[in-house]
């Protein structure tokens, strides 16, 4: 799952640095939780923006706005919690995705 986890961590971390108060002199928190059925990757930022992280459908010539869409394609589930004081974005990768398997 490392090949899937790497771009997810990279994107969520970059978003925290580029789009929240975590950039500059701030910080963000990266958490990894592993169980037999799921790997959860979470990034918590320091907020400071008026909008919550969300998957967008940018225009073809847009320079930004595709990152969380990419994460949502790679991960089996993406969940956003928080407020303007800080958001946690969690991407979950299920270990058993075979037909008939029970990932959660």
Protein backbone atom coordinates (compact mmCIF):
# COMPACT_ATOMS: atom_id res chain seq x y z
CA UNK A 1 0.00 0.00 0.00
CA UNK A 2 3.05 2.27 0.13
CA UNK A 3 2.62 3.18 -3.54
CA UNK A 4 -0.88 4.49 -2.78
CA UNK A 5 0.02 6.07 0.56
CA UNK A 6 2.91 8.18 -0.77
CA UNK A 7 0.94 10.45 -3.13
CA UNK A 8 -1.86 10.76 -0.54
CA UNK A 9 0.55 11.93 2.19
CA UNK A 10 2.28 14.23 -0.28
CA UNK A 11 -0.96 15.86 -1.44
CA UNK A 12 -2.55 16.25 2.01
CA UNK A 13 0.68 17.68 3.43
CA UNK A 14 1.11 20.10 0.53
CA UNK A 15 -2.48 21.26 0.91
CA UNK A 16 -1.91 21.98 4.60
CA UNK A 17 1.20 24.02 3.81
CA UNK A 18 -0.13 25.87 0.77
CA UNK A 19 -3.76 26.53 1.71
CA UNK A 20 -3.91 26.97 5.51
CA UNK A 21 -2.24 28.75 8.40
CA UNK A 22 0.03 25.70 8.69
CA UNK A 23 2.24 27.19 5.96
CA UNK A 24 4.89 29.76 6.84
CA UNK A 25 5.47 29.66 10.59
CA UNK A 26 2.67 27.15 11.32
CA UNK A 27 2.72 23.38 11.42
CA UNK A 28 0.54 20.40 10.59
CA UNK A 29 0.15 16.96 12.12
CA UNK A 30 0.42 13.71 10.16
CA UNK A 31 -1.02 10.54 11.70
CA UNK A 32 -0.90 6.98 10.46
CA UNK A 33 -3.16 4.27 11.86
CA UNK A 34 -2.78 0.68 10.72
CA UNK A 35 -5.08 -2.24 11.43
CA UNK A 36 -5.56 -5.58 9.69
CA UNK A 37 -8.38 -4.08 7.59
CA UNK A 38 -7.51 -0.42 7.00
CA UNK A 39 -4.62 2.01 6.75
CA UNK A 40 -5.73 5.54 7.67
CA UNK A 41 -3.61 8.56 6.78
CA UNK A 42 -4.66 11.83 8.44
CA UNK A 43 -3.35 15.37 8.14
CA UNK A 44 -4.55 18.03 10.57
CA UNK A 45 -3.85 21.65 9.66
CA UNK A 46 -4.10 24.91 11.60
CA UNK A 47 -7.09 26.22 9.64
CA UNK A 48 -7.25 29.93 9.03
CA UNK A 49 -9.28 29.80 5.85
CA UNK A 50 -12.96 30.41 5.29
CA UNK A 51 -13.50 27.21 3.32
CA UNK A 52 -13.30 23.52 4.14
CA UNK A 53 -11.18 21.14 2.07
CA UNK A 54 -13.35 19.58 -0.66
CA UNK A 55 -13.11 17.68 -3.91
CA UNK A 56 -13.50 20.12 -6.78
CA UNK A 57 -14.12 19.87 -10.52
CA UNK A 58 -11.81 22.61 -11.84
CA UNK A 59 -11.85 23.85 -15.41
CA UNK A 60 -9.45 22.23 -17.85
CA UNK A 61 -7.07 25.20 -17.73
CA UNK A 62 -7.11 25.62 -13.92
CA UNK A 63 -3.71 25.44 -12.22
CA UNK A 64 -5.02 24.19 -8.84
CA UNK A 65 -7.96 22.21 -7.47
CA UNK A 66 -7.29 18.62 -8.52
CA UNK A 67 -5.41 17.30 -5.48
CA UNK A 68 -8.24 16.07 -3.27
CA UNK A 69 -9.91 14.62 -6.35
CA UNK A 70 -6.76 12.56 -6.94
CA UNK A 71 -6.74 11.49 -3.29
CA UNK A 72 -10.40 10.45 -3.51
CA UNK A 73 -9.62 8.27 -6.54
CA UNK A 74 -6.68 6.51 -4.84
CA UNK A 75 -8.25 6.12 -1.38
CA UNK A 76 -11.30 3.98 -0.66
CA UNK A 77 -12.76 6.72 1.54
CA UNK A 78 -11.89 10.36 2.33
CA UNK A 79 -13.37 12.12 5.36
CA UNK A 80 -13.01 15.79 6.37
CA UNK A 81 -13.59 16.95 9.97
CA UNK A 82 -13.09 20.31 11.62
CA UNK A 83 -13.77 24.01 11.29
CA UNK A 84 -12.00 27.20 10.26
CA UNK A 85 -9.73 26.63 13.32
CA UNK A 86 -8.31 23.48 11.73
CA UNK A 87 -9.31 20.59 9.52
CA UNK A 88 -8.38 16.92 9.56
CA UNK A 89 -8.48 15.13 6.24
CA UNK A 90 -8.35 11.34 6.55
CA UNK A 91 -7.80 9.03 3.60
CA UNK A 92 -8.51 5.35 4.22
CA UNK A 93 -7.06 2.45 2.25
CA UNK A 94 -8.85 -0.85 2.80
CA UNK A 95 -6.67 -3.95 2.82
CA UNK A 96 -9.32 -6.41 1.59
CA UNK A 97 -10.95 -5.08 -1.56
CA UNK A 98 -11.69 -8.43 -3.20
CA UNK A 99 -15.25 -9.01 -4.37
CA UNK A 100 -17.15 -10.27 -1.36
CA UNK A 101 -14.42 -9.03 1.00
CA UNK A 102 -15.35 -6.93 3.99
CA UNK A 103 -12.95 -3.96 4.19
CA UNK A 104 -14.43 -2.48 7.37
